[in-house]
Amino acid sequence: MSKETVQKYGVLVSPALAINNTVKIVERVPNLDEVKKLLGEALTKGEKNGRKNLKDHLS
């Protein structure tokens, strides 16, 4: 893990998962369903805040 990453997120161990600059998971690998849920929540939150939907970028 790079020094910049540690400074930015305060995460001292790996693995870790950050979505939209927020650390969601530390010290374990999430399963696929958990990742889908976290990404879905981030997309929904982004839409409510007026951000362009990630799905639009992928299509």
PDB file of N, CA and C in Angstrom:
ATOM      1  N   MET A   1       0.855  -1.166   0.000  1.00  0.00           N
ATOM      2  CA  MET A   1       0.000   0.000   0.000  1.00  0.00           C
ATOM      3  C   MET A   1       0.902   1.230   0.000  1.00  0.00           C
ATOM      4  N   SER A   2       0.589   2.191  -0.834  1.00  0.00           N
ATOM      5  CA  SER A   2       1.442   3.368  -0.954  1.00  0.00           C
ATOM      6  C   SER A   2       1.245   4.317   0.223  1.00  0.00           C
ATOM      7  N   LYS A   3       2.253   5.104   0.463  1.00  0.00           N
ATOM      8  CA  LYS A   3       2.201   6.103   1.530  1.00  0.00           C
ATOM      9  C   LYS A   3       1.055   7.087   1.291  1.00  0.00           C
ATOM     10  N   GLU A   4       0.831   7.441   0.032  1.00  0.00           N
ATOM     11  CA  GLU A   4      -0.251   8.370  -0.313  1.00  0.00           C
ATOM     12  C   GLU A   4      -1.617   7.787   0.024  1.00  0.00           C
ATOM     13  N   THR A   5      -1.777   6.499  -0.231  1.00  0.00           N
ATOM     14  CA  THR A   5      -3.047   5.840   0.071  1.00  0.00           C
ATOM     15  C   THR A   5      -3.293   5.812   1.569  1.00  0.00           C
ATOM     16  N   VAL A   6      -2.275   5.478   2.324  1.00  0.00           N
ATOM     17  CA  VAL A   6      -2.398   5.458   3.784  1.00  0.00           C
ATOM     18  C   VAL A   6      -2.770   6.842   4.295  1.00  0.00           C
ATOM     19  N   GLN A   7      -2.119   7.863   3.789  1.00  0.00           N
ATOM     20  CA  GLN A   7      -2.416   9.219   4.227  1.00  0.00           C
ATOM     21  C   GLN A   7      -3.831   9.642   3.836  1.00  0.00           C
ATOM     22  N   LYS A   8      -4.257   9.302   2.642  1.00  0.00           N
ATOM     23  CA  LYS A   8      -5.564   9.726   2.162  1.00  0.00           C
ATOM     24  C   LYS A   8      -6.703   9.065   2.929  1.00  0.00           C
ATOM     25  N   TYR A   9      -6.596   7.760   3.152  1.00  0.00           N
ATOM     26  CA  TYR A   9      -7.695   7.013   3.752  1.00  0.00           C
ATOM     27  C   TYR A   9      -7.460   6.590   5.205  1.00  0.00           C
ATOM     28  N   GLY A  10      -6.232   6.686   5.682  1.00  0.00           N
ATOM     29  CA  GLY A  10      -5.940   6.262   7.048  1.00  0.00           C
ATOM     30  C   GLY A  10      -5.996   4.755   7.228  1.00  0.00           C
ATOM     31  N   VAL A  11      -5.899   4.012   6.140  1.00  0.00           N
ATOM     32  CA  VAL A  11      -5.949   2.557   6.189  1.00  0.00           C
ATOM     33  C   VAL A  11      -4.527   2.026   6.299  1.00  0.00           C
ATOM     34  N   LEU A  12      -4.267   1.272   7.354  1.00  0.00           N
ATOM     35  CA  LEU A  12      -2.924   0.769   7.578  1.00  0.00           C
ATOM     36  C   LEU A  12      -2.755  -0.697   7.193  1.00  0.00           C
ATOM     37  N   VAL A  13      -3.850  -1.369   6.905  1.00  0.00           N
ATOM     38  CA  VAL A  13      -3.792  -2.787   6.538  1.00  0.00           C
ATOM     39  C   VAL A  13      -4.531  -2.999   5.221  1.00  0.00           C
ATOM     40  N   SER A  14      -4.213  -4.101   4.596  1.00  0.00           N
ATOM     41  CA  SER A  14      -4.902  -4.422   3.354  1.00  0.00           C
ATOM     42  C   SER A  14      -5.467  -5.833   3.467  1.00  0.00           C
ATOM     43  N   PRO A  15      -6.412  -6.216   2.662  1.00  0.00           N
ATOM     44  CA  PRO A  15      -7.021  -5.393   1.632  1.00  0.00           C
ATOM     45  C   PRO A  15      -8.011  -4.391   2.218  1.00  0.00           C
ATOM     46  N   ALA A  16      -8.318  -3.400   1.416  1.00  0.00           N
ATOM     47  CA  ALA A  16      -9.316  -2.403   1.792  1.00  0.00           C
ATOM     48  C   ALA A  16     -10.050  -1.976   0.527  1.00  0.00           C
ATOM     49  N   LEU A  17     -11.280  -1.557   0.709  1.00  0.00           N
ATOM     50  CA  LEU A  17     -12.100  -1.111  -0.422  1.00  0.00           C
ATOM     51  C   LEU A  17     -12.648   0.269  -0.099  1.00  0.00           C
ATOM     52  N   ALA A  18     -12.368   1.219  -0.983  1.00  0.00           N
ATOM     53  CA  ALA A  18     -12.915   2.569  -0.846  1.00  0.00           C
ATOM     54  C   ALA A  18     -13.779   2.851  -2.062  1.00  0.00           C
ATOM     55  N   ILE A  19     -14.941   3.437  -1.814  1.00  0.00           N
ATOM     56  CA  ILE A  19     -15.849   3.833  -2.878  1.00  0.00           C
ATOM     57  C   ILE A  19     -16.180   5.299  -2.669  1.00  0.00           C
ATOM     58  N   ASN A  20     -15.973   6.102  -3.701  1.00  0.00           N
ATOM     59  CA  ASN A  20     -16.226   7.547  -3.621  1.00  0.00           C
ATOM     60  C   ASN A  20     -15.509   8.184  -2.431  1.00  0.00           C
ATOM     61  N   ASN A  21     -14.249   7.821  -2.271  1.00  0.00           N
ATOM     62  CA  ASN A  21     -13.383   8.372  -1.227  1.00  0.00           C
ATOM     63  C   ASN A  21     -13.820   8.040   0.190  1.00  0.00           C
ATOM     64  N   THR A  22     -14.590   6.966   0.345  1.00  0.00           N
ATOM     65  CA  THR A  22     -15.002   6.501   1.668  1.00  0.00           C
ATOM     66  C   THR A  22     -14.592   5.044   1.817  1.00  0.00           C
ATOM     67  N   VAL A  23     -13.858   4.739   2.871  1.00  0.00           N
ATOM     68  CA  VAL A  23     -13.446   3.368   3.122  1.00  0.00           C
ATOM     69  C   VAL A  23     -14.669   2.583   3.585  1.00  0.00           C
ATOM     70  N   LYS A  24     -14.959   1.507   2.877  1.00  0.00           N
ATOM     71  CA  LYS A  24     -16.125   0.678   3.193  1.00  0.00           C
ATOM     72  C   LYS A  24     -15.742  -0.629   3.874  1.00  0.00           C
ATOM     73  N   ILE A  25     -14.605  -1.204   3.483  1.00  0.00           N
ATOM     74  CA  ILE A  25     -14.196  -2.509   4.002  1.00  0.00           C
ATOM     75  C   ILE A  25     -12.689  -2.496   4.244  1.00  0.00           C
ATOM     76  N   VAL A  26     -12.291  -3.064   5.367  1.00  0.00           N
ATOM     77  CA  VAL A  26     -10.869  -3.153   5.715  1.00  0.00           C
ATOM     78  C   VAL A  26     -10.583  -4.559   6.241  1.00  0.00           C
ATOM     79  N   GLU A  27      -9.424  -5.085   5.902  1.00  0.00           N
ATOM     80  CA  GLU A  27      -8.891  -6.351   6.410  1.00  0.00           C
ATOM     81  C   GLU A  27      -9.622  -7.600   5.940  1.00  0.00           C
ATOM     82  N   ARG A  28     -10.397  -7.492   4.865  1.00  0.00           N
ATOM     83  CA  ARG A  28     -11.025  -8.691   4.312  1.00  0.00           C
ATOM     84  C   ARG A  28     -11.423  -8.445   2.867  1.00  0.00           C
ATOM     85  N   VAL A  29     -11.625  -9.525   2.149  1.00  0.00           N
ATOM     86  CA  VAL A  29     -12.070  -9.440   0.758  1.00  0.00           C
ATOM     87  C   VAL A  29     -13.578  -9.642   0.751  1.00  0.00           C
ATOM     88  N   PRO A  30     -14.326  -8.670   0.248  1.00  0.00           N
ATOM     89  CA  PRO A  30     -15.782  -8.812   0.224  1.00  0.00           C
ATOM     90  C   PRO A  30     -16.213  -9.815  -0.839  1.00  0.00           C
ATOM     91  N   ASN A  31     -17.369 -10.428  -0.623  1.00  0.00           N
ATOM     92  CA  ASN A  31     -17.885 -11.322  -1.659  1.00  0.00           C
ATOM     93  C   ASN A  31     -18.558 -10.481  -2.743  1.00  0.00           C
ATOM     94  N   LEU A  32     -18.869 -11.104  -3.848  1.00  0.00           N
ATOM     95  CA  LEU A  32     -19.410 -10.396  -5.005  1.00  0.00           C
ATOM     96  C   LEU A  32     -20.727  -9.687  -4.677  1.00  0.00           C
ATOM     97  N   ASP A  33     -21.602 -10.350  -3.936  1.00  0.00           N
ATOM     98  CA  ASP A  33     -22.886  -9.731  -3.598  1.00  0.00           C
ATOM     99  C   ASP A  33     -22.694  -8.468  -2.758  1.00  0.00           C
ATOM    100  N   GLU A  34     -21.727  -8.496  -1.856  1.00  0.00           N
ATOM    101  CA  GLU A  34     -21.457  -7.323  -1.026  1.00  0.00           C
ATOM    102  C   GLU A  34     -20.927  -6.159  -1.864  1.00  0.00           C
ATOM    103  N   VAL A  35     -20.059  -6.456  -2.808  1.00  0.00           N
ATOM    104  CA  VAL A  35     -19.531  -5.415  -3.697  1.00  0.00           C
ATOM    105  C   VAL A  35     -20.658  -4.821  -4.536  1.00  0.00           C
ATOM    106  N   LYS A  36     -21.516  -5.669  -5.073  1.00  0.00           N
ATOM    107  CA  LYS A  36     -22.655  -5.184  -5.861  1.00  0.00           C
ATOM    108  C   LYS A  36     -23.545  -4.281  -5.022  1.00  0.00           C
ATOM    109  N   LYS A  37     -23.798  -4.673  -3.783  1.00  0.00           N
ATOM    110  CA  LYS A  37     -24.651  -3.879  -2.893  1.00  0.00           C
ATOM    111  C   LYS A  37     -24.015  -2.515  -2.619  1.00  0.00           C
ATOM    112  N   LEU A  38     -22.731  -2.498  -2.296  1.00  0.00           N
ATOM    113  CA  LEU A  38     -22.043  -1.241  -2.006  1.00  0.00           C
ATOM    114  C   LEU A  38     -22.012  -0.319  -3.223  1.00  0.00           C
ATOM    115  N   LEU A  39     -21.756  -0.886  -4.396  1.00  0.00           N
ATOM    116  CA  LEU A  39     -21.748  -0.073  -5.614  1.00  0.00           C
ATOM    117  C   LEU A  39     -23.142   0.442  -5.946  1.00  0.00           C
ATOM    118  N   GLY A  40     -24.148  -0.397  -5.746  1.00  0.00           N
ATOM    119  CA  GLY A  40     -25.521   0.035  -5.977  1.00  0.00           C
ATOM    120  C   GLY A  40     -25.906   1.186  -5.059  1.00  0.00           C
ATOM    121  N   GLU A  41     -25.511   1.098  -3.797  1.00  0.00           N
ATOM    122  CA  GLU A  41     -25.793   2.177  -2.846  1.00  0.00           C
ATOM    123  C   GLU A  41     -25.082   3.461  -3.269  1.00  0.00           C
ATOM    124  N   ALA A  42     -23.850   3.332  -3.733  1.00  0.00           N
ATOM    125  CA  ALA A  42     -23.092   4.509  -4.166  1.00  0.00           C
ATOM    126  C   ALA A  42     -23.746   5.148  -5.390  1.00  0.00           C
ATOM    127  N   LEU A  43     -24.226   4.322  -6.311  1.00  0.00           N
ATOM    128  CA  LEU A  43     -24.907   4.847  -7.496  1.00  0.00           C
ATOM    129  C   LEU A  43     -26.187   5.580  -7.110  1.00  0.00           C
ATOM    130  N   THR A  44     -26.958   4.986  -6.228  1.00  0.00           N
ATOM    131  CA  THR A  44     -28.212   5.597  -5.792  1.00  0.00           C
ATOM    132  C   THR A  44     -27.942   6.920  -5.085  1.00  0.00           C
ATOM    133  N   LYS A  45     -26.945   6.934  -4.227  1.00  0.00           N
ATOM    134  CA  LYS A  45     -26.585   8.168  -3.510  1.00  0.00           C
ATOM    135  C   LYS A  45     -26.128   9.235  -4.497  1.00  0.00           C
ATOM    136  N   GLY A  46     -25.352   8.844  -5.498  1.00  0.00           N
ATOM    137  CA  GLY A  46     -24.871   9.789  -6.500  1.00  0.00           C
ATOM    138  C   GLY A  46     -26.004  10.395  -7.306  1.00  0.00           C
ATOM    139  N   GLU A  47     -26.986   9.575  -7.648  1.00  0.00           N
ATOM    140  CA  GLU A  47     -28.138  10.069  -8.404  1.00  0.00           C
ATOM    141  C   GLU A  47     -28.923  11.083  -7.582  1.00  0.00           C
ATOM    142  N   LYS A  48     -29.069  10.828  -6.288  1.00  0.00           N
ATOM    143  CA  LYS A  48     -29.797  11.752  -5.416  1.00  0.00           C
ATOM    144  C   LYS A  48     -29.064  13.083  -5.276  1.00  0.00           C
ATOM    145  N   ASN A  49     -27.742  13.037  -5.404  1.00  0.00           N
ATOM    146  CA  ASN A  49     -26.938  14.252  -5.289  1.00  0.00           C
ATOM    147  C   ASN A  49     -26.727  14.936  -6.635  1.00  0.00           C
ATOM    148  N   GLY A  50     -27.417  14.477  -7.670  1.00  0.00           N
ATOM    149  CA  GLY A  50     -27.334  15.113  -8.977  1.00  0.00           C
ATOM    150  C   GLY A  50     -26.128  14.723  -9.791  1.00  0.00           C
ATOM    151  N   ARG A  51     -25.412  13.688  -9.378  1.00  0.00           N
ATOM    152  CA  ARG A  51     -24.261  13.232 -10.149  1.00  0.00           C
ATOM    153  C   ARG A  51     -24.733  12.349 -11.289  1.00  0.00           C
ATOM    154  N   LYS A  52     -23.960  12.369 -12.360  1.00  0.00           N
ATOM    155  CA  LYS A  52     -24.289  11.520 -13.504  1.00  0.00           C
ATOM    156  C   LYS A  52     -24.178  10.060 -13.097  1.00  0.00           C
ATOM    157  N   ASN A  53     -25.108   9.283 -13.512  1.00  0.00           N
ATOM    158  CA  ASN A  53     -25.180   7.882 -13.179  1.00  0.00           C
ATOM    159  C   ASN A  53     -24.037   7.120 -13.867  1.00  0.00           C
ATOM    160  N   LEU A  54     -23.374   6.246 -13.139  1.00  0.00           N
ATOM    161  CA  LEU A  54     -22.281   5.446 -13.692  1.00  0.00           C
ATOM    162  C   LEU A  54     -22.769   4.599 -14.859  1.00  0.00           C
ATOM    163  N   LYS A  55     -23.998   4.130 -14.801  1.00  0.00           N
ATOM    164  CA  LYS A  55     -24.533   3.315 -15.884  1.00  0.00           C
ATOM    165  C   LYS A  55     -24.490   4.075 -17.214  1.00  0.00           C
ATOM    166  N   ASP A  56     -24.682   5.393 -17.167  1.00  0.00           N
ATOM    167  CA  ASP A  56     -24.624   6.207 -18.388  1.00  0.00           C
ATOM    168  C   ASP A  56     -23.224   6.214 -18.980  1.00  0.00           C
ATOM    169  N   HIS A  57     -22.215   6.141 -18.125  1.00  0.00           N
ATOM    170  CA  HIS A  57     -20.829   6.118 -18.600  1.00  0.00           C
ATOM    171  C   HIS A  57     -20.481   4.783 -19.233  1.00  0.00           C
ATOM    172  N   LEU A  58     -21.119   3.732 -18.778  1.00  0.00           N
ATOM    173  CA  LEU A  58     -20.785   2.394 -19.244  1.00  0.00           C
ATOM    174  C   LEU A  58     -21.513   2.010 -20.526  1.00  0.00           C
ATOM    175  N   SER A  59     -22.587   2.701 -20.853  1.00  0.00           N
ATOM    176  CA  SER A  59     -23.355   2.316 -22.045  1.00  0.00           C
ATOM    177  C   SER A  59     -22.885   3.045 -23.280  1.00  0.00           C
TER     178      SER A  59
END
